[in-house]
PDB file of N, CA and C in Angstrom:
ATOM      1  N   MET A   1      49.714 103.161 112.398  1.00  0.00           N
ATOM      2  CA  MET A   1      51.334 103.433 112.672  1.00  0.00           C
ATOM      3  C   MET A   1      51.544 102.500 113.834  1.00  0.00           C
ATOM      4  N   LEU A   2      50.835 102.586 115.112  1.00  0.00           N
ATOM      5  CA  LEU A   2      51.068 102.048 116.336  1.00  0.00           C
ATOM      6  C   LEU A   2      50.882 100.657 116.223  1.00  0.00           C
ATOM      7  N   LEU A   3      49.753 100.420 115.338  1.00  0.00           N
ATOM      8  CA  LEU A   3      49.277  98.923 115.018  1.00  0.00           C
ATOM      9  C   LEU A   3      50.172  98.252 114.031  1.00  0.00           C
ATOM     10  N   ALA A   4      50.956  98.929 113.310  1.00  0.00           N
ATOM     11  CA  ALA A   4      51.922  98.405 112.377  1.00  0.00           C
ATOM     12  C   ALA A   4      53.036  98.053 113.149  1.00  0.00           C
ATOM     13  N   GLN A   5      53.525  98.994 114.132  1.00  0.00           N
ATOM     14  CA  GLN A   5      54.664  99.016 114.982  1.00  0.00           C
ATOM     15  C   GLN A   5      54.569  97.568 116.162  1.00  0.00           C
ATOM     16  N   ARG A   6      53.180  97.534 116.503  1.00  0.00           N
ATOM     17  CA  ARG A   6      52.794  96.455 117.275  1.00  0.00           C
ATOM     18  C   ARG A   6      52.887  94.892 116.369  1.00  0.00           C
ATOM     19  N   GLY A   7      52.750  95.110 115.279  1.00  0.00           N
ATOM     20  CA  GLY A   7      52.537  94.085 114.609  1.00  0.00           C
ATOM     21  C   GLY A   7      54.057  93.018 114.194  1.00  0.00           C
ATOM     22  N   ALA A   8      54.840  94.502 113.983  1.00  0.00           N
ATOM     23  CA  ALA A   8      56.070  94.008 113.633  1.00  0.00           C
ATOM     24  C   ALA A   8      56.853  93.501 114.774  1.00  0.00           C
ATOM     25  N   LYS A   9      56.664  94.077 116.212  1.00  0.00           N
ATOM     26  CA  LYS A   9      57.277  93.661 117.092  1.00  0.00           C
ATOM     27  C   LYS A   9      56.615  92.029 117.411  1.00  0.00           C
ATOM     28  N   SER A  10      55.399  91.974 117.235  1.00  0.00           N
ATOM     29  CA  SER A  10      54.737  90.495 117.589  1.00  0.00           C
ATOM     30  C   SER A  10      55.588  89.755 116.703  1.00  0.00           C
ATOM     31  N   TYR A  11      56.194  89.968 115.452  1.00  0.00           N
ATOM     32  CA  TYR A  11      56.874  88.906 114.446  1.00  0.00           C
ATOM     33  C   TYR A  11      58.114  88.788 114.919  1.00  0.00           C
ATOM     34  N   ILE A  12      58.681  89.947 115.400  1.00  0.00           N
ATOM     35  CA  ILE A  12      60.167  89.916 115.884  1.00  0.00           C
ATOM     36  C   ILE A  12      60.283  88.990 117.116  1.00  0.00           C
ATOM     37  N   ASP A  13      59.048  89.324 118.111  1.00  0.00           N
ATOM     38  CA  ASP A  13      59.094  88.526 119.166  1.00  0.00           C
ATOM     39  C   ASP A  13      58.746  86.996 119.015  1.00  0.00           C
ATOM     40  N   SER A  14      58.049  86.610 118.072  1.00  0.00           N
ATOM     41  CA  SER A  14      57.738  85.306 117.792  1.00  0.00           C
ATOM     42  C   SER A  14      58.901  84.497 117.305  1.00  0.00           C
ATOM     43  N   ALA A  15      59.522  85.182 116.269  1.00  0.00           N
ATOM     44  CA  ALA A  15      60.852  84.759 115.832  1.00  0.00           C
ATOM     45  C   ALA A  15      61.808  84.401 116.848  1.00  0.00           C
ATOM     46  N   LEU A  16      61.931  85.160 117.948  1.00  0.00           N
ATOM     47  CA  LEU A  16      62.867  85.229 118.851  1.00  0.00           C
ATOM     48  C   LEU A  16      62.405  83.973 119.875  1.00  0.00           C
ATOM     49  N   ILE A  17      61.209  83.835 120.102  1.00  0.00           N
ATOM     50  CA  ILE A  17      60.665  82.608 120.715  1.00  0.00           C
ATOM     51  C   ILE A  17      60.909  81.519 120.261  1.00  0.00           C
ATOM     52  N   TRP A  18      60.420  81.545 118.741  1.00  0.00           N
ATOM     53  CA  TRP A  18      61.071  80.231 118.068  1.00  0.00           C
ATOM     54  C   TRP A  18      62.605  79.750 118.281  1.00  0.00           C
ATOM     55  N   PHE A  19      63.597  80.676 117.925  1.00  0.00           N
ATOM     56  CA  PHE A  19      64.802  80.656 118.170  1.00  0.00           C
ATOM     57  C   PHE A  19      65.205  80.092 119.207  1.00  0.00           C
ATOM     58  N   SER A  20      64.747  80.603 120.179  1.00  0.00           N
ATOM     59  CA  SER A  20      64.888  80.237 121.747  1.00  0.00           C
ATOM     60  C   SER A  20      64.403  78.769 122.085  1.00  0.00           C
ATOM     61  N   SER A  21      63.212  78.563 121.421  1.00  0.00           N
ATOM     62  CA  SER A  21      62.903  77.420 121.885  1.00  0.00           C
ATOM     63  C   SER A  21      63.659  75.966 121.005  1.00  0.00           C
ATOM     64  N   VAL A  22      63.826  76.246 119.729  1.00  0.00           N
ATOM     65  CA  VAL A  22      64.847  75.277 119.035  1.00  0.00           C
ATOM     66  C   VAL A  22      66.034  75.288 119.366  1.00  0.00           C
ATOM     67  N   SER A  23      66.510  76.171 120.163  1.00  0.00           N
ATOM     68  CA  SER A  23      67.872  76.016 120.413  1.00  0.00           C
ATOM     69  C   SER A  23      67.691  75.266 122.022  1.00  0.00           C
ATOM     70  N   PHE A  24      66.944  75.503 122.539  1.00  0.00           N
ATOM     71  CA  PHE A  24      67.105  74.633 123.718  1.00  0.00           C
ATOM     72  C   PHE A  24      66.249  73.343 123.702  1.00  0.00           C
ATOM     73  N   ILE A  25      65.591  72.871 122.567  1.00  0.00           N
ATOM     74  CA  ILE A  25      65.221  71.599 122.459  1.00  0.00           C
ATOM     75  C   ILE A  25      66.783  70.957 121.851  1.00  0.00           C
ATOM     76  N   LEU A  26      67.658  71.688 121.136  1.00  0.00           N
ATOM     77  CA  LEU A  26      68.633  70.956 120.574  1.00  0.00           C
ATOM     78  C   LEU A  26      69.875  70.657 121.766  1.00  0.00           C
ATOM     79  N   PHE A  27      69.734  71.875 122.744  1.00  0.00           N
ATOM     80  CA  PHE A  27      70.893  71.702 123.797  1.00  0.00           C
ATOM     81  C   PHE A  27      70.179  70.841 124.736  1.00  0.00           C
ATOM     82  N   GLY A  28      69.065  70.605 125.025  1.00  0.00           N
ATOM     83  CA  GLY A  28      68.685  69.602 126.028  1.00  0.00           C
ATOM     84  C   GLY A  28      68.630  68.162 125.571  1.00  0.00           C
ATOM     85  N   GLY A  29      68.210  68.156 124.032  1.00  0.00           N
ATOM     86  CA  GLY A  29      68.713  66.722 123.559  1.00  0.00           C
ATOM     87  C   GLY A  29      70.110  66.372 123.601  1.00  0.00           C
ATOM     88  N   GLY A  30      70.829  67.475 123.528  1.00  0.00           N
ATOM     89  CA  GLY A  30      72.409  67.135 123.180  1.00  0.00           C
ATOM     90  C   GLY A  30      72.907  66.470 124.644  1.00  0.00           C
ATOM     91  N   CYS A  31      72.187  67.022 125.927  1.00  0.00           N
ATOM     92  CA  CYS A  31      72.578  66.450 127.180  1.00  0.00           C
ATOM     93  C   CYS A  31      72.501  64.875 127.279  1.00  0.00           C
ATOM     94  N   PHE A  32      71.850  64.224 126.440  1.00  0.00           N
ATOM     95  CA  PHE A  32      71.540  63.235 126.190  1.00  0.00           C
ATOM     96  C   PHE A  32      72.215  62.230 125.320  1.00  0.00           C
ATOM     97  N   LEU A  33      72.311  62.738 124.160  1.00  0.00           N
ATOM     98  CA  LEU A  33      73.081  62.467 122.768  1.00  0.00           C
ATOM     99  C   LEU A  33      74.061  62.865 122.003  1.00  0.00           C
ATOM    100  N   SER A  34      74.747  63.945 122.570  1.00  0.00           N
ATOM    101  CA  SER A  34      75.896  64.549 122.306  1.00  0.00           C
ATOM    102  C   SER A  34      77.148  64.188 122.948  1.00  0.00           C
ATOM    103  N   ARG A  35      78.143  63.435 122.807  1.00  0.00           N
ATOM    104  CA  ARG A  35      79.371  63.093 123.586  1.00  0.00           C
ATOM    105  C   ARG A  35      80.149  64.452 123.767  1.00  0.00           C
ATOM    106  N   TYR A  36      80.032  65.506 122.855  1.00  0.00           N
ATOM    107  CA  TYR A  36      80.499  66.515 123.067  1.00  0.00           C
ATOM    108  C   TYR A  36      79.936  67.590 124.441  1.00  0.00           C
ATOM    109  N   LEU A  37      78.601  67.717 124.051  1.00  0.00           N
ATOM    110  CA  LEU A  37      78.074  68.209 125.160  1.00  0.00           C
ATOM    111  C   LEU A  37      78.253  67.654 126.590  1.00  0.00           C
ATOM    112  N   GLN A  38      77.965  66.358 126.512  1.00  0.00           N
ATOM    113  CA  GLN A  38      78.246  65.632 127.714  1.00  0.00           C
ATOM    114  C   GLN A  38      79.628  66.033 128.443  1.00  0.00           C
ATOM    115  N   GLY A  39      80.763  66.043 127.379  1.00  0.00           N
ATOM    116  CA  GLY A  39      82.125  66.524 128.068  1.00  0.00           C
ATOM    117  C   GLY A  39      82.156  67.604 128.304  1.00  0.00           C
ATOM    118  N   GLU A  40      81.527  68.510 127.937  1.00  0.00           N
ATOM    119  CA  GLU A  40      81.289  69.903 128.277  1.00  0.00           C
ATOM    120  C   GLU A  40      80.926  70.059 129.768  1.00  0.00           C
ATOM    121  N   TYR A  41      80.013  69.583 130.081  1.00  0.00           N
ATOM    122  CA  TYR A  41      79.222  69.565 131.335  1.00  0.00           C
ATOM    123  C   TYR A  41      80.179  69.011 132.536  1.00  0.00           C
ATOM    124  N   GLU A  42      80.973  67.920 131.910  1.00  0.00           N
ATOM    125  CA  GLU A  42      82.244  67.276 132.864  1.00  0.00           C
ATOM    126  C   GLU A  42      83.140  68.235 133.065  1.00  0.00           C
ATOM    127  N   ARG A  43      83.624  69.184 131.994  1.00  0.00           N
ATOM    128  CA  ARG A  43      84.474  70.374 132.058  1.00  0.00           C
ATOM    129  C   ARG A  43      83.939  71.241 132.964  1.00  0.00           C
ATOM    130  N   TYR A  44      82.580  71.515 132.824  1.00  0.00           N
ATOM    131  CA  TYR A  44      82.207  72.528 133.774  1.00  0.00           C
ATOM    132  C   TYR A  44      82.288  72.117 135.500  1.00  0.00           C
ATOM    133  N   GLY A  45      82.335  70.676 135.617  1.00  0.00           N
ATOM    134  CA  GLY A  45      82.314  70.297 136.874  1.00  0.00           C
ATOM    135  C   GLY A  45      80.666  69.860 137.227  1.00  0.00           C
ATOM    136  N   ILE A  46      79.676  69.753 136.302  1.00  0.00           N
ATOM    137  CA  ILE A  46      78.360  69.444 136.768  1.00  0.00           C
ATOM    138  C   ILE A  46      77.912  68.378 135.829  1.00  0.00           C
ATOM    139  N   GLY A  47      78.913  67.409 135.668  1.00  0.00           N
ATOM    140  CA  GLY A  47      78.399  66.078 134.862  1.00  0.00           C
ATOM    141  C   GLY A  47      77.340  65.392 135.449  1.00  0.00           C
ATOM    142  N   GLN A  48      77.104  65.357 137.049  1.00  0.00           N
ATOM    143  CA  GLN A  48      76.144  64.570 137.445  1.00  0.00           C
ATOM    144  C   GLN A  48      74.777  65.578 137.487  1.00  0.00           C
ATOM    145  N   LEU A  49      74.817  66.597 136.916  1.00  0.00           N
ATOM    146  CA  LEU A  49      73.613  67.255 136.754  1.00  0.00           C
ATOM    147  C   LEU A  49      72.844  67.201 135.309  1.00  0.00           C
ATOM    148  N   LYS A  50      73.667  66.727 134.240  1.00  0.00           N
ATOM    149  CA  LYS A  50      73.546  67.200 132.948  1.00  0.00           C
ATOM    150  C   LYS A  50      72.023  66.558 132.509  1.00  0.00           C
ATOM    151  N   GLY A  51      71.811  65.335 133.235  1.00  0.00           N
ATOM    152  CA  GLY A  51      70.226  64.979 132.909  1.00  0.00           C
ATOM    153  C   GLY A  51      69.243  65.820 133.461  1.00  0.00           C
ATOM    154  N   LEU A  52      69.258  66.163 134.465  1.00  0.00           N
ATOM    155  CA  LEU A  52      68.403  67.564 134.975  1.00  0.00           C
ATOM    156  C   LEU A  52      68.465  68.537 134.233  1.00  0.00           C
ATOM    157  N   ILE A  53      69.436  68.976 133.844  1.00  0.00           N
ATOM    158  CA  ILE A  53      69.582  70.256 133.000  1.00  0.00           C
ATOM    159  C   ILE A  53      69.052  70.064 131.641  1.00  0.00           C
ATOM    160  N   GLY A  54      69.251  68.817 131.110  1.00  0.00           N
ATOM    161  CA  GLY A  54      68.712  68.715 129.592  1.00  0.00           C
ATOM    162  C   GLY A  54      67.065  68.640 129.808  1.00  0.00           C
ATOM    163  N   VAL A  55      66.481  68.089 130.812  1.00  0.00           N
ATOM    164  CA  VAL A  55      65.346  68.031 131.207  1.00  0.00           C
ATOM    165  C   VAL A  55      64.563  69.363 131.114  1.00  0.00           C
ATOM    166  N   LEU A  56      65.234  69.990 132.065  1.00  0.00           N
ATOM    167  CA  LEU A  56      64.798  71.576 132.081  1.00  0.00           C
ATOM    168  C   LEU A  56      65.037  72.230 130.917  1.00  0.00           C
ATOM    169  N   GLN A  57      65.825  72.287 129.940  1.00  0.00           N
ATOM    170  CA  GLN A  57      65.974  72.621 128.954  1.00  0.00           C
ATOM    171  C   GLN A  57      64.996  72.464 128.051  1.00  0.00           C
ATOM    172  N   LEU A  58      64.384  71.230 127.997  1.00  0.00           N
ATOM    173  CA  LEU A  58      63.102  70.608 127.172  1.00  0.00           C
ATOM    174  C   LEU A  58      61.842  71.121 127.552  1.00  0.00           C
ATOM    175  N   LEU A  59      62.255  71.246 128.923  1.00  0.00           N
ATOM    176  CA  LEU A  59      60.589  71.600 129.464  1.00  0.00           C
ATOM    177  C   LEU A  59      60.539  73.163 129.163  1.00  0.00           C
ATOM    178  N   GLY A  60      61.499  73.855 129.494  1.00  0.00           N
ATOM    179  CA  GLY A  60      61.417  75.371 128.898  1.00  0.00           C
ATOM    180  C   GLY A  60      61.358  75.897 127.723  1.00  0.00           C
ATOM    181  N   ALA A  61      61.588  74.822 126.853  1.00  0.00           N
ATOM    182  CA  ALA A  61      61.508  74.909 125.448  1.00  0.00           C
ATOM    183  C   ALA A  61      60.038  74.345 124.800  1.00  0.00           C
ATOM    184  N   ALA A  62      59.529  73.606 125.511  1.00  0.00           N
ATOM    185  CA  ALA A  62      58.155  73.383 125.471  1.00  0.00           C
ATOM    186  C   ALA A  62      57.390  74.651 125.821  1.00  0.00           C
ATOM    187  N   GLY A  63      57.578  75.104 126.980  1.00  0.00           N
ATOM    188  CA  GLY A  63      57.005  76.152 127.730  1.00  0.00           C
ATOM    189  C   GLY A  63      56.848  77.332 126.750  1.00  0.00           C
ATOM    190  N   LEU A  64      58.076  77.587 126.293  1.00  0.00           N
ATOM    191  CA  LEU A  64      58.203  78.879 125.342  1.00  0.00           C
ATOM    192  C   LEU A  64      57.207  78.874 124.194  1.00  0.00           C
ATOM    193  N   LEU A  65      56.731  77.306 123.906  1.00  0.00           N
ATOM    194  CA  LEU A  65      55.819  77.373 122.664  1.00  0.00           C
ATOM    195  C   LEU A  65      54.668  77.239 122.942  1.00  0.00           C
ATOM    196  N   VAL A  66      54.268  76.499 124.132  1.00  0.00           N
ATOM    197  CA  VAL A  66      52.893  76.790 125.102  1.00  0.00           C
ATOM    198  C   VAL A  66      52.422  78.085 125.263  1.00  0.00           C
ATOM    199  N   GLY A  67      53.585  79.049 125.395  1.00  0.00           N
ATOM    200  CA  GLY A  67      53.288  80.507 125.843  1.00  0.00           C
ATOM    201  C   GLY A  67      52.602  81.208 124.734  1.00  0.00           C
ATOM    202  N   PHE A  68      52.605  80.563 123.606  1.00  0.00           N
ATOM    203  CA  PHE A  68      51.812  81.290 122.421  1.00  0.00           C
ATOM    204  C   PHE A  68      50.554  81.140 122.806  1.00  0.00           C
ATOM    205  N   TYR A  69      49.990  80.183 123.376  1.00  0.00           N
ATOM    206  CA  TYR A  69      48.692  79.959 123.909  1.00  0.00           C
ATOM    207  C   TYR A  69      47.996  80.122 125.164  1.00  0.00           C
ATOM    208  N   MET A  70      49.084  80.212 126.048  1.00  0.00           N
ATOM    209  CA  MET A  70      49.069  80.555 127.510  1.00  0.00           C
ATOM    210  C   MET A  70      50.217  81.346 127.970  1.00  0.00           C
ATOM    211  N   PRO A  71      50.128  82.746 127.680  1.00  0.00           N
ATOM    212  CA  PRO A  71      51.143  83.338 127.806  1.00  0.00           C
ATOM    213  C   PRO A  71      51.963  83.430 129.218  1.00  0.00           C
ATOM    214  N   TRP A  72      51.212  83.085 130.250  1.00  0.00           N
ATOM    215  CA  TRP A  72      51.922  83.140 131.845  1.00  0.00           C
ATOM    216  C   TRP A  72      52.796  81.798 131.384  1.00  0.00           C
ATOM    217  N   ILE A  73      52.503  80.891 130.765  1.00  0.00           N
ATOM    218  CA  ILE A  73      53.783  79.763 130.854  1.00  0.00           C
ATOM    219  C   ILE A  73      54.715  80.036 129.959  1.00  0.00           C
ATOM    220  N   GLY A  74      54.643  80.761 128.962  1.00  0.00           N
ATOM    221  CA  GLY A  74      55.585  81.173 128.374  1.00  0.00           C
ATOM    222  C   GLY A  74      56.360  82.033 128.825  1.00  0.00           C
ATOM    223  N   GLN A  75      55.887  83.175 129.589  1.00  0.00           N
ATOM    224  CA  GLN A  75      56.861  83.953 130.716  1.00  0.00           C
ATOM    225  C   GLN A  75      57.471  83.497 131.757  1.00  0.00           C
ATOM    226  N   PHE A  76      56.861  82.415 132.413  1.00  0.00           N
ATOM    227  CA  PHE A  76      57.436  81.693 133.585  1.00  0.00           C
ATOM    228  C   PHE A  76      58.671  80.619 132.919  1.00  0.00           C
ATOM    229  N   SER A  77      58.402  80.175 131.656  1.00  0.00           N
ATOM    230  CA  SER A  77      59.545  79.458 130.976  1.00  0.00           C
ATOM    231  C   SER A  77      60.606  80.315 130.619  1.00  0.00           C
ATOM    232  N   ALA A  78      60.500  81.471 129.913  1.00  0.00           N
ATOM    233  CA  ALA A  78      61.452  82.248 129.832  1.00  0.00           C
ATOM    234  C   ALA A  78      62.325  82.620 130.906  1.00  0.00           C
ATOM    235  N   GLY A  79      61.427  82.912 131.864  1.00  0.00           N
ATOM    236  CA  GLY A  79      62.202  83.412 133.185  1.00  0.00           C
ATOM    237  C   GLY A  79      63.254  82.440 133.937  1.00  0.00           C
ATOM    238  N   GLY A  80      62.654  81.035 133.601  1.00  0.00           N
ATOM    239  CA  GLY A  80      63.423  79.957 134.189  1.00  0.00           C
ATOM    240  C   GLY A  80      64.655  79.832 133.130  1.00  0.00           C
ATOM    241  N   LEU A  81      64.528  79.823 131.980  1.00  0.00           N
ATOM    242  CA  LEU A  81      65.791  79.909 131.087  1.00  0.00           C
ATOM    243  C   LEU A  81      66.446  80.652 131.445  1.00  0.00           C
ATOM    244  N   ALA A  82      66.167  81.969 131.399  1.00  0.00           N
ATOM    245  CA  ALA A  82      67.061  82.953 131.975  1.00  0.00           C
ATOM    246  C   ALA A  82      67.879  82.680 133.143  1.00  0.00           C
ATOM    247  N   ALA A  83      67.325  82.487 134.220  1.00  0.00           N
ATOM    248  CA  ALA A  83      68.003  82.031 135.349  1.00  0.00           C
ATOM    249  C   ALA A  83      69.120  80.979 135.105  1.00  0.00           C
ATOM    250  N   MET A  84      68.431  80.055 134.565  1.00  0.00           N
ATOM    251  CA  MET A  84      69.296  78.875 134.064  1.00  0.00           C
ATOM    252  C   MET A  84      70.452  79.053 133.636  1.00  0.00           C
ATOM    253  N   MET A  85      70.522  80.224 132.410  1.00  0.00           N
ATOM    254  CA  MET A  85      71.659  80.545 131.552  1.00  0.00           C
ATOM    255  C   MET A  85      72.579  81.484 132.463  1.00  0.00           C
ATOM    256  N   LEU A  86      71.909  82.227 133.667  1.00  0.00           N
ATOM    257  CA  LEU A  86      72.746  83.140 134.527  1.00  0.00           C
ATOM    258  C   LEU A  86      73.728  82.261 135.471  1.00  0.00           C
ATOM    259  N   CYS A  87      73.067  80.969 135.841  1.00  0.00           N
ATOM    260  CA  CYS A  87      73.728  80.047 136.312  1.00  0.00           C
ATOM    261  C   CYS A  87      74.924  79.511 135.413  1.00  0.00           C
ATOM    262  N   GLY A  88      74.634  79.416 134.249  1.00  0.00           N
ATOM    263  CA  GLY A  88      75.862  78.918 133.187  1.00  0.00           C
ATOM    264  C   GLY A  88      76.747  80.085 133.205  1.00  0.00           C
ATOM    265  N   VAL A  89      76.309  81.306 132.906  1.00  0.00           N
ATOM    266  CA  VAL A  89      77.259  82.227 132.796  1.00  0.00           C
ATOM    267  C   VAL A  89      78.274  82.304 134.272  1.00  0.00           C
ATOM    268  N   GLY A  90      77.633  82.090 135.362  1.00  0.00           N
ATOM    269  CA  GLY A  90      78.464  81.941 136.675  1.00  0.00           C
ATOM    270  C   GLY A  90      79.406  80.917 136.617  1.00  0.00           C
ATOM    271  N   VAL A  91      78.990  79.461 136.213  1.00  0.00           N
ATOM    272  CA  VAL A  91      79.797  78.416 136.084  1.00  0.00           C
ATOM    273  C   VAL A  91      80.724  78.899 135.131  1.00  0.00           C
ATOM    274  N   ARG A  92      80.650  79.465 134.006  1.00  0.00           N
ATOM    275  CA  ARG A  92      81.812  79.664 132.937  1.00  0.00           C
ATOM    276  C   ARG A  92      82.741  80.679 133.586  1.00  0.00           C
ATOM    277  N   ILE A  93      82.576  81.816 134.418  1.00  0.00           N
ATOM    278  CA  ILE A  93      83.127  82.594 135.259  1.00  0.00           C
ATOM    279  C   ILE A  93      84.146  81.809 136.212  1.00  0.00           C
ATOM    280  N   LYS A  94      83.578  80.402 136.757  1.00  0.00           N
ATOM    281  CA  LYS A  94      84.139  80.224 137.785  1.00  0.00           C
ATOM    282  C   LYS A  94      85.236  79.113 137.279  1.00  0.00           C
ATOM    283  N   ILE A  95      84.883  78.469 136.047  1.00  0.00           N
ATOM    284  CA  ILE A  95      86.054  77.682 135.725  1.00  0.00           C
ATOM    285  C   ILE A  95      86.842  78.615 134.672  1.00  0.00           C
ATOM    286  N   LYS A  96      86.915  80.044 134.922  1.00  0.00           N
ATOM    287  CA  LYS A  96      87.479  80.738 134.260  1.00  0.00           C
ATOM    288  C   LYS A  96      87.683  80.788 132.336  1.00  0.00           C
ATOM    289  N   ASP A  97      86.452  80.411 131.996  1.00  0.00           N
ATOM    290  CA  ASP A  97      86.613  80.310 130.501  1.00  0.00           C
ATOM    291  C   ASP A  97      86.699  81.946 130.101  1.00  0.00           C
ATOM    292  N   THR A  98      87.034  81.962 128.659  1.00  0.00           N
ATOM    293  CA  THR A  98      87.402  83.325 128.204  1.00  0.00           C
ATOM    294  C   THR A  98      86.155  83.840 127.928  1.00  0.00           C
ATOM    295  N   ILE A  99      85.981  85.256 127.654  1.00  0.00           N
ATOM    296  CA  ILE A  99      84.850  86.032 127.243  1.00  0.00           C
ATOM    297  C   ILE A  99      84.072  85.302 126.056  1.00  0.00           C
ATOM    298  N   LEU A 100      84.941  85.181 124.931  1.00  0.00           N
ATOM    299  CA  LEU A 100      84.086  84.436 123.892  1.00  0.00           C
ATOM    300  C   LEU A 100      83.368  83.130 124.245  1.00  0.00           C
ATOM    301  N   GLN A 101      83.902  82.470 124.999  1.00  0.00           N
ATOM    302  CA  GLN A 101      83.297  81.463 125.370  1.00  0.00           C
ATOM    303  C   GLN A 101      81.910  81.456 126.204  1.00  0.00           C
ATOM    304  N   THR A 102      82.234  82.699 127.000  1.00  0.00           N
ATOM    305  CA  THR A 102      80.827  82.962 127.940  1.00  0.00           C
ATOM    306  C   THR A 102      79.704  83.695 127.117  1.00  0.00           C
ATOM    307  N   ILE A 103      80.029  84.401 126.128  1.00  0.00           N
ATOM    308  CA  ILE A 103      79.205  85.041 125.332  1.00  0.00           C
ATOM    309  C   ILE A 103      77.988  84.394 125.095  1.00  0.00           C
ATOM    310  N   PRO A 104      77.807  83.143 124.544  1.00  0.00           N
ATOM    311  CA  PRO A 104      76.721  82.664 124.366  1.00  0.00           C
ATOM    312  C   PRO A 104      75.794  82.532 125.552  1.00  0.00           C
ATOM    313  N   ALA A 105      76.183  82.061 126.752  1.00  0.00           N
ATOM    314  CA  ALA A 105      75.315  82.007 127.876  1.00  0.00           C
ATOM    315  C   ALA A 105      74.723  83.159 128.152  1.00  0.00           C
ATOM    316  N   PHE A 106      75.537  84.003 128.148  1.00  0.00           N
ATOM    317  CA  PHE A 106      74.813  85.715 128.354  1.00  0.00           C
ATOM    318  C   PHE A 106      74.226  85.942 127.556  1.00  0.00           C
ATOM    319  N   ALA A 107      74.306  85.688 126.207  1.00  0.00           N
ATOM    320  CA  ALA A 107      73.474  86.057 125.136  1.00  0.00           C
ATOM    321  C   ALA A 107      71.944  85.408 125.303  1.00  0.00           C
ATOM    322  N   TYR A 108      72.051  84.127 125.448  1.00  0.00           N
ATOM    323  CA  TYR A 108      70.840  83.612 125.855  1.00  0.00           C
ATOM    324  C   TYR A 108      70.357  83.908 127.109  1.00  0.00           C
ATOM    325  N   MET A 109      70.916  84.423 128.033  1.00  0.00           N
ATOM    326  CA  MET A 109      70.311  84.743 129.311  1.00  0.00           C
ATOM    327  C   MET A 109      69.594  86.035 129.052  1.00  0.00           C
ATOM    328  N   VAL A 110      70.327  87.019 128.444  1.00  0.00           N
ATOM    329  CA  VAL A 110      69.547  88.235 127.951  1.00  0.00           C
ATOM    330  C   VAL A 110      68.452  88.019 127.019  1.00  0.00           C
ATOM    331  N   LEU A 111      68.297  87.195 126.055  1.00  0.00           N
ATOM    332  CA  LEU A 111      67.313  86.934 124.973  1.00  0.00           C
ATOM    333  C   LEU A 111      66.113  86.351 125.898  1.00  0.00           C
ATOM    334  N   ASN A 112      66.377  85.268 126.995  1.00  0.00           N
ATOM    335  CA  ASN A 112      65.273  84.721 127.512  1.00  0.00           C
ATOM    336  C   ASN A 112      64.840  86.075 128.638  1.00  0.00           C
ATOM    337  N   ALA A 113      65.520  86.493 129.366  1.00  0.00           N
ATOM    338  CA  ALA A 113      64.719  87.763 130.338  1.00  0.00           C
ATOM    339  C   ALA A 113      64.273  88.513 129.357  1.00  0.00           C
ATOM    340  N   TYR A 114      64.437  89.004 127.863  1.00  0.00           N
ATOM    341  CA  TYR A 114      63.810  89.979 127.355  1.00  0.00           C
ATOM    342  C   TYR A 114      62.525  89.200 126.873  1.00  0.00           C
ATOM    343  N   LEU A 115      62.487  87.984 126.734  1.00  0.00           N
ATOM    344  CA  LEU A 115      60.937  87.433 126.407  1.00  0.00           C
ATOM    345  C   LEU A 115      60.384  87.472 127.590  1.00  0.00           C
ATOM    346  N   ALA A 116      60.786  87.139 128.776  1.00  0.00           N
ATOM    347  CA  ALA A 116      59.970  86.969 129.914  1.00  0.00           C
ATOM    348  C   ALA A 116      59.356  88.038 130.264  1.00  0.00           C
ATOM    349  N   VAL A 117      60.156  89.483 130.214  1.00  0.00           N
ATOM    350  CA  VAL A 117      59.378  90.564 130.546  1.00  0.00           C
ATOM    351  C   VAL A 117      58.434  91.456 129.199  1.00  0.00           C
ATOM    352  N   ALA A 118      58.842  91.141 128.048  1.00  0.00           N
ATOM    353  CA  ALA A 118      58.465  92.001 126.758  1.00  0.00           C
ATOM    354  C   ALA A 118      57.723  91.062 126.137  1.00  0.00           C
ATOM    355  N   ALA A 119      57.880  89.865 125.786  1.00  0.00           N
ATOM    356  CA  ALA A 119      57.255  89.080 124.464  1.00  0.00           C
ATOM    357  C   ALA A 119      55.924  88.575 124.835  1.00  0.00           C
ATOM    358  N   TYR A 120      55.464  88.157 125.923  1.00  0.00           N
ATOM    359  CA  TYR A 120      54.368  87.394 126.459  1.00  0.00           C
ATOM    360  C   TYR A 120      53.488  88.344 127.034  1.00  0.00           C
TER     361      TYR A 120
END
């Protein structure tokens, strides 16, 4: 029974890793390709950082996938993405976004914090 539970947990963790990685590939690419996301960074007051943030998101996404083979890299990447999203929550609070606008950043923060602590 314990082995079956561990296997199910591994499948769930793997799915969460893939979900986060694909999400951050899209977010990171959007920093360079999406006018909407570029406008959002201007609205946040950090337009000058969108390129750096995009690169960090792409590196974090790649690190999550590399973590399947080198767990310490996945752990480090998930922790970095969680810290980035903590900053994102702070920015959303600072610019007085609504709770509904802040929830996605908070959810990605919690997801990646979980991945850093429990999935690798």
